[in-house]
Amino acid sequence: MSELDISEQEAEYLLQLPKIAETTEPVELPDLGGRTDIPLVSDDGREEFVVSFTRSSISLTKRNHHLRARKVIGLARLDLDGPPHRNPDGQEIGPRHLHIYREGYRLKFAIEVPLDKFGDLDNALRTLEDFLTYCGVKKLPEFSRGLFSK
């Protein structure tokens, strides 16, 4: 077992652990083709996390949100408007799906996006805020938008 492989119980604990942004400065949302990393820390200061938000330069609606613990262990990834995903068991999931860490598979399994947790997948800022909330961020950072951020 490598350091990237953890138990599902530990992954669930890390996902639900209350987190706060490390910066009080507004986080600049990326323009088309850009990426923003938001460093987080558990509210007890013992665990470090990062959420990456990536936008495609070709497809205006294609976005990716990725939570990593200890900077390298993927816990959750929300993929929007990319290709459909095929799980290791053969199940196909549409182009809007949520990967959640599964022991032995890391983020290779995906589920349909739970619409009770994500209110408006067409609104990039709202979806980012919903993803941060899903990941246990208790106080959302402020965001600033670039010219092409939507």
C-alpha atoms as a PDB file:
ATOM      1  CA  MET A   1       0.000   0.000   0.000  1.00  0.00           C
ATOM      2  CA  SER A   2       1.478   3.348  -1.055  1.00  0.00           C
ATOM      3  CA  GLU A   3       1.072   6.585   0.846  1.00  0.00           C
ATOM      4  CA  LEU A   4      -1.575   7.549  -1.726  1.00  0.00           C
ATOM      5  CA  ASP A   5      -3.748   4.601  -0.688  1.00  0.00           C
ATOM      6  CA  ILE A   6      -5.782   5.097   2.447  1.00  0.00           C
ATOM      7  CA  SER A   7      -8.844   3.341   3.814  1.00  0.00           C
ATOM      8  CA  GLU A   8     -12.323   4.502   2.818  1.00  0.00           C
ATOM      9  CA  GLN A   9     -12.943   5.267   6.473  1.00  0.00           C
ATOM     10  CA  GLU A  10      -9.937   7.604   6.583  1.00  0.00           C
ATOM     11  CA  ALA A  11     -10.940   9.186   3.261  1.00  0.00           C
ATOM     12  CA  GLU A  12     -14.475   9.836   4.555  1.00  0.00           C
ATOM     13  CA  TYR A  13     -13.033  11.316   7.764  1.00  0.00           C
ATOM     14  CA  LEU A  14     -10.746  13.635   5.765  1.00  0.00           C
ATOM     15  CA  LEU A  15     -13.578  14.646   3.422  1.00  0.00           C
ATOM     16  CA  GLN A  16     -15.896  15.560   6.311  1.00  0.00           C
ATOM     17  CA  LEU A  17     -13.194  17.176   8.462  1.00  0.00           C
ATOM     18  CA  PRO A  18     -14.043  20.877   8.906  1.00  0.00           C
ATOM     19  CA  LYS A  19     -11.737  23.006   6.769  1.00  0.00           C
ATOM     20  CA  ILE A  20     -10.930  26.676   6.336  1.00  0.00           C
ATOM     21  CA  ALA A  21      -9.117  28.574   3.590  1.00  0.00           C
ATOM     22  CA  GLU A  22      -5.529  29.436   4.461  1.00  0.00           C
ATOM     23  CA  THR A  23      -5.833  32.901   2.927  1.00  0.00           C
ATOM     24  CA  THR A  24      -8.089  35.796   3.764  1.00  0.00           C
ATOM     25  CA  GLU A  25      -7.362  37.418   0.398  1.00  0.00           C
ATOM     26  CA  PRO A  26      -9.951  37.009  -2.383  1.00  0.00           C
ATOM     27  CA  VAL A  27      -9.286  33.974  -4.581  1.00  0.00           C
ATOM     28  CA  GLU A  28      -9.097  34.882  -8.258  1.00  0.00           C
ATOM     29  CA  LEU A  29     -11.237  32.625 -10.415  1.00  0.00           C
ATOM     30  CA  PRO A  30      -9.435  31.329 -13.495  1.00  0.00           C
ATOM     31  CA  ASP A  31     -10.182  32.523 -16.990  1.00  0.00           C
ATOM     32  CA  LEU A  32     -10.685  30.033 -19.822  1.00  0.00           C
ATOM     33  CA  GLY A  33      -7.915  27.460 -19.825  1.00  0.00           C
ATOM     34  CA  GLY A  34      -6.807  28.436 -16.325  1.00  0.00           C
ATOM     35  CA  ARG A  35      -6.500  26.831 -12.929  1.00  0.00           C
ATOM     36  CA  THR A  36      -6.783  28.122  -9.385  1.00  0.00           C
ATOM     37  CA  ASP A  37      -5.567  26.251  -6.318  1.00  0.00           C
ATOM     38  CA  ILE A  38      -7.190  27.049  -2.983  1.00  0.00           C
ATOM     39  CA  PRO A  39      -5.071  25.916  -0.021  1.00  0.00           C
ATOM     40  CA  LEU A  40      -7.128  24.687   2.932  1.00  0.00           C
ATOM     41  CA  VAL A  41      -6.327  23.512   6.421  1.00  0.00           C
ATOM     42  CA  SER A  42      -8.393  21.557   8.895  1.00  0.00           C
ATOM     43  CA  ASP A  43      -9.808  23.796  11.584  1.00  0.00           C
ATOM     44  CA  ASP A  44      -7.509  22.081  14.119  1.00  0.00           C
ATOM     45  CA  GLY A  45      -4.489  22.839  11.892  1.00  0.00           C
ATOM     46  CA  ARG A  46      -3.369  19.194  11.635  1.00  0.00           C
ATOM     47  CA  GLU A  47      -4.263  18.399   8.018  1.00  0.00           C
ATOM     48  CA  GLU A  48      -3.528  20.260   4.784  1.00  0.00           C
ATOM     49  CA  PHE A  49      -5.751  20.170   1.719  1.00  0.00           C
ATOM     50  CA  VAL A  50      -5.987  21.864  -1.651  1.00  0.00           C
ATOM     51  CA  VAL A  51      -8.953  22.382  -3.961  1.00  0.00           C
ATOM     52  CA  SER A  52      -8.088  22.923  -7.616  1.00  0.00           C
ATOM     53  CA  PHE A  53     -10.592  24.555  -9.953  1.00  0.00           C
ATOM     54  CA  THR A  54      -9.793  24.163 -13.648  1.00  0.00           C
ATOM     55  CA  ARG A  55     -11.558  25.590 -16.703  1.00  0.00           C
ATOM     56  CA  SER A  56     -11.200  24.337 -20.252  1.00  0.00           C
ATOM     57  CA  SER A  57      -9.886  26.644 -22.938  1.00  0.00           C
ATOM     58  CA  ILE A  58     -12.031  25.015 -25.642  1.00  0.00           C
ATOM     59  CA  SER A  59     -15.367  24.097 -24.067  1.00  0.00           C
ATOM     60  CA  LEU A  60     -16.803  27.029 -22.136  1.00  0.00           C
ATOM     61  CA  THR A  61     -18.766  24.788 -19.744  1.00  0.00           C
ATOM     62  CA  LYS A  62     -16.109  22.114 -19.078  1.00  0.00           C
ATOM     63  CA  ARG A  63     -14.840  22.436 -15.519  1.00  0.00           C
ATOM     64  CA  ASN A  64     -13.081  20.295 -12.964  1.00  0.00           C
ATOM     65  CA  HIS A  65     -13.036  20.629  -9.161  1.00  0.00           C
ATOM     66  CA  HIS A  66     -10.575  18.443  -7.254  1.00  0.00           C
ATOM     67  CA  LEU A  67     -10.017  18.058  -3.488  1.00  0.00           C
ATOM     68  CA  ARG A  68      -6.706  16.564  -2.380  1.00  0.00           C
ATOM     69  CA  ALA A  69      -5.649  15.770   1.175  1.00  0.00           C
ATOM     70  CA  ARG A  70      -2.026  16.017   2.198  1.00  0.00           C
ATOM     71  CA  LYS A  71      -1.655  17.750  -1.170  1.00  0.00           C
ATOM     72  CA  VAL A  72      -1.577  14.452  -3.140  1.00  0.00           C
ATOM     73  CA  ILE A  73      -4.412  12.128  -2.051  1.00  0.00           C
ATOM     74  CA  GLY A  74      -7.466  12.699  -4.223  1.00  0.00           C
ATOM     75  CA  LEU A  75     -10.629  12.591  -2.089  1.00  0.00           C
ATOM     76  CA  ALA A  76     -13.253  13.981  -4.472  1.00  0.00           C
ATOM     77  CA  ARG A  77     -13.376  15.320  -8.006  1.00  0.00           C
ATOM     78  CA  LEU A  78     -16.325  16.915  -9.763  1.00  0.00           C
ATOM     79  CA  ASP A  79     -16.107  16.707 -13.557  1.00  0.00           C
ATOM     80  CA  LEU A  80     -18.520  18.808 -15.600  1.00  0.00           C
ATOM     81  CA  ASP A  81     -19.209  18.601 -19.322  1.00  0.00           C
ATOM     82  CA  GLY A  82     -16.243  16.458 -20.280  1.00  0.00           C
ATOM     83  CA  PRO A  83     -16.515  12.965 -21.696  1.00  0.00           C
ATOM     84  CA  PRO A  84     -18.716  10.350 -20.036  1.00  0.00           C
ATOM     85  CA  HIS A  85     -16.948   8.161 -17.479  1.00  0.00           C
ATOM     86  CA  ARG A  86     -16.790   4.368 -17.357  1.00  0.00           C
ATOM     87  CA  ASN A  87     -16.326   2.889 -13.877  1.00  0.00           C
ATOM     88  CA  PRO A  88     -14.058  -0.142 -13.367  1.00  0.00           C
ATOM     89  CA  ASP A  89     -17.194  -2.305 -13.068  1.00  0.00           C
ATOM     90  CA  GLY A  90     -18.327  -1.211 -16.562  1.00  0.00           C
ATOM     91  CA  GLN A  91     -21.080   1.199 -15.452  1.00  0.00           C
ATOM     92  CA  GLU A  92     -21.143   4.320 -17.611  1.00  0.00           C
ATOM     93  CA  ILE A  93     -21.804   7.707 -16.014  1.00  0.00           C
ATOM     94  CA  GLY A  94     -22.725  10.860 -17.959  1.00  0.00           C
ATOM     95  CA  PRO A  95     -20.493  13.886 -18.585  1.00  0.00           C
ATOM     96  CA  ARG A  96     -21.446  15.479 -15.243  1.00  0.00           C
ATOM     97  CA  HIS A  97     -20.205  13.204 -12.482  1.00  0.00           C
ATOM     98  CA  LEU A  98     -18.587  13.134  -9.052  1.00  0.00           C
ATOM     99  CA  HIS A  99     -15.622  10.922  -8.227  1.00  0.00           C
ATOM    100  CA  ILE A 100     -15.317   9.890  -4.583  1.00  0.00           C
ATOM    101  CA  TYR A 101     -12.334   8.051  -3.120  1.00  0.00           C
ATOM    102  CA  ARG A 102     -12.807   4.304  -2.988  1.00  0.00           C
ATOM    103  CA  GLU A 103     -10.254   2.044  -1.323  1.00  0.00           C
ATOM    104  CA  GLY A 104      -8.173   0.172  -3.885  1.00  0.00           C
ATOM    105  CA  TYR A 105      -9.436   2.377  -6.720  1.00  0.00           C
ATOM    106  CA  ARG A 106      -8.713   5.913  -5.507  1.00  0.00           C
ATOM    107  CA  LEU A 107     -10.886   8.176  -7.725  1.00  0.00           C
ATOM    108  CA  LYS A 108     -11.598   5.684 -10.507  1.00  0.00           C
ATOM    109  CA  PHE A 109     -15.277   5.308  -9.566  1.00  0.00           C
ATOM    110  CA  ALA A 110     -17.812   8.066 -10.220  1.00  0.00           C
ATOM    111  CA  ILE A 111     -21.469   8.667  -9.421  1.00  0.00           C
ATOM    112  CA  GLU A 112     -24.076  10.971 -10.908  1.00  0.00           C
ATOM    113  CA  VAL A 113     -23.810  14.441  -9.378  1.00  0.00           C
ATOM    114  CA  PRO A 114     -26.062  14.588  -6.294  1.00  0.00           C
ATOM    115  CA  LEU A 115     -28.351  17.473  -7.212  1.00  0.00           C
ATOM    116  CA  ASP A 116     -29.371  17.943  -3.578  1.00  0.00           C
ATOM    117  CA  LYS A 117     -25.767  19.052  -2.885  1.00  0.00           C
ATOM    118  CA  PHE A 118     -25.142  21.029  -6.091  1.00  0.00           C
ATOM    119  CA  GLY A 119     -27.826  23.591  -6.877  1.00  0.00           C
ATOM    120  CA  ASP A 120     -26.893  25.027 -10.279  1.00  0.00           C
ATOM    121  CA  LEU A 121     -24.212  23.199 -12.255  1.00  0.00           C
ATOM    122  CA  ASP A 122     -24.369  25.829 -15.008  1.00  0.00           C
ATOM    123  CA  ASN A 123     -23.206  28.556 -12.618  1.00  0.00           C
ATOM    124  CA  ALA A 124     -19.421  28.138 -12.175  1.00  0.00           C
ATOM    125  CA  LEU A 125     -19.131  30.211  -8.991  1.00  0.00           C
ATOM    126  CA  ARG A 126     -22.141  28.582  -7.327  1.00  0.00           C
ATOM    127  CA  THR A 127     -20.826  25.117  -8.237  1.00  0.00           C
ATOM    128  CA  LEU A 128     -17.394  25.930  -6.805  1.00  0.00           C
ATOM    129  CA  GLU A 129     -19.018  27.151  -3.580  1.00  0.00           C
ATOM    130  CA  ASP A 130     -21.196  24.021  -3.445  1.00  0.00           C
ATOM    131  CA  PHE A 131     -18.122  21.817  -4.003  1.00  0.00           C
ATOM    132  CA  LEU A 132     -16.234  23.567  -1.198  1.00  0.00           C
ATOM    133  CA  THR A 133     -19.234  23.088   1.100  1.00  0.00           C
ATOM    134  CA  TYR A 134     -19.466  19.420   0.054  1.00  0.00           C
ATOM    135  CA  CYS A 135     -15.782  19.086   0.979  1.00  0.00           C
ATOM    136  CA  GLY A 136     -16.338  20.434   4.496  1.00  0.00           C
ATOM    137  CA  VAL A 137     -15.149  24.023   4.047  1.00  0.00           C
ATOM    138  CA  LYS A 138     -16.863  25.933   6.846  1.00  0.00           C
ATOM    139  CA  LYS A 139     -16.026  29.492   5.824  1.00  0.00           C
ATOM    140  CA  LEU A 140     -15.882  30.059   2.100  1.00  0.00           C
ATOM    141  CA  PRO A 141     -13.214  32.426   0.792  1.00  0.00           C
ATOM    142  CA  GLU A 142     -14.161  35.501  -1.160  1.00  0.00           C
ATOM    143  CA  PHE A 143     -13.739  35.259  -4.918  1.00  0.00           C
ATOM    144  CA  SER A 144     -12.745  37.783  -7.555  1.00  0.00           C
ATOM    145  CA  ARG A 145     -13.594  37.241 -11.196  1.00  0.00           C
ATOM    146  CA  GLY A 146     -11.403  37.856 -14.205  1.00  0.00           C
ATOM    147  CA  LEU A 147     -12.667  39.179 -17.510  1.00  0.00           C
ATOM    148  CA  PHE A 148     -13.763  35.743 -18.734  1.00  0.00           C
ATOM    149  CA  SER A 149     -14.698  34.204 -15.372  1.00  0.00           C
ATOM    150  CA  LYS A 150     -18.368  33.419 -15.181  1.00  0.00           C
END
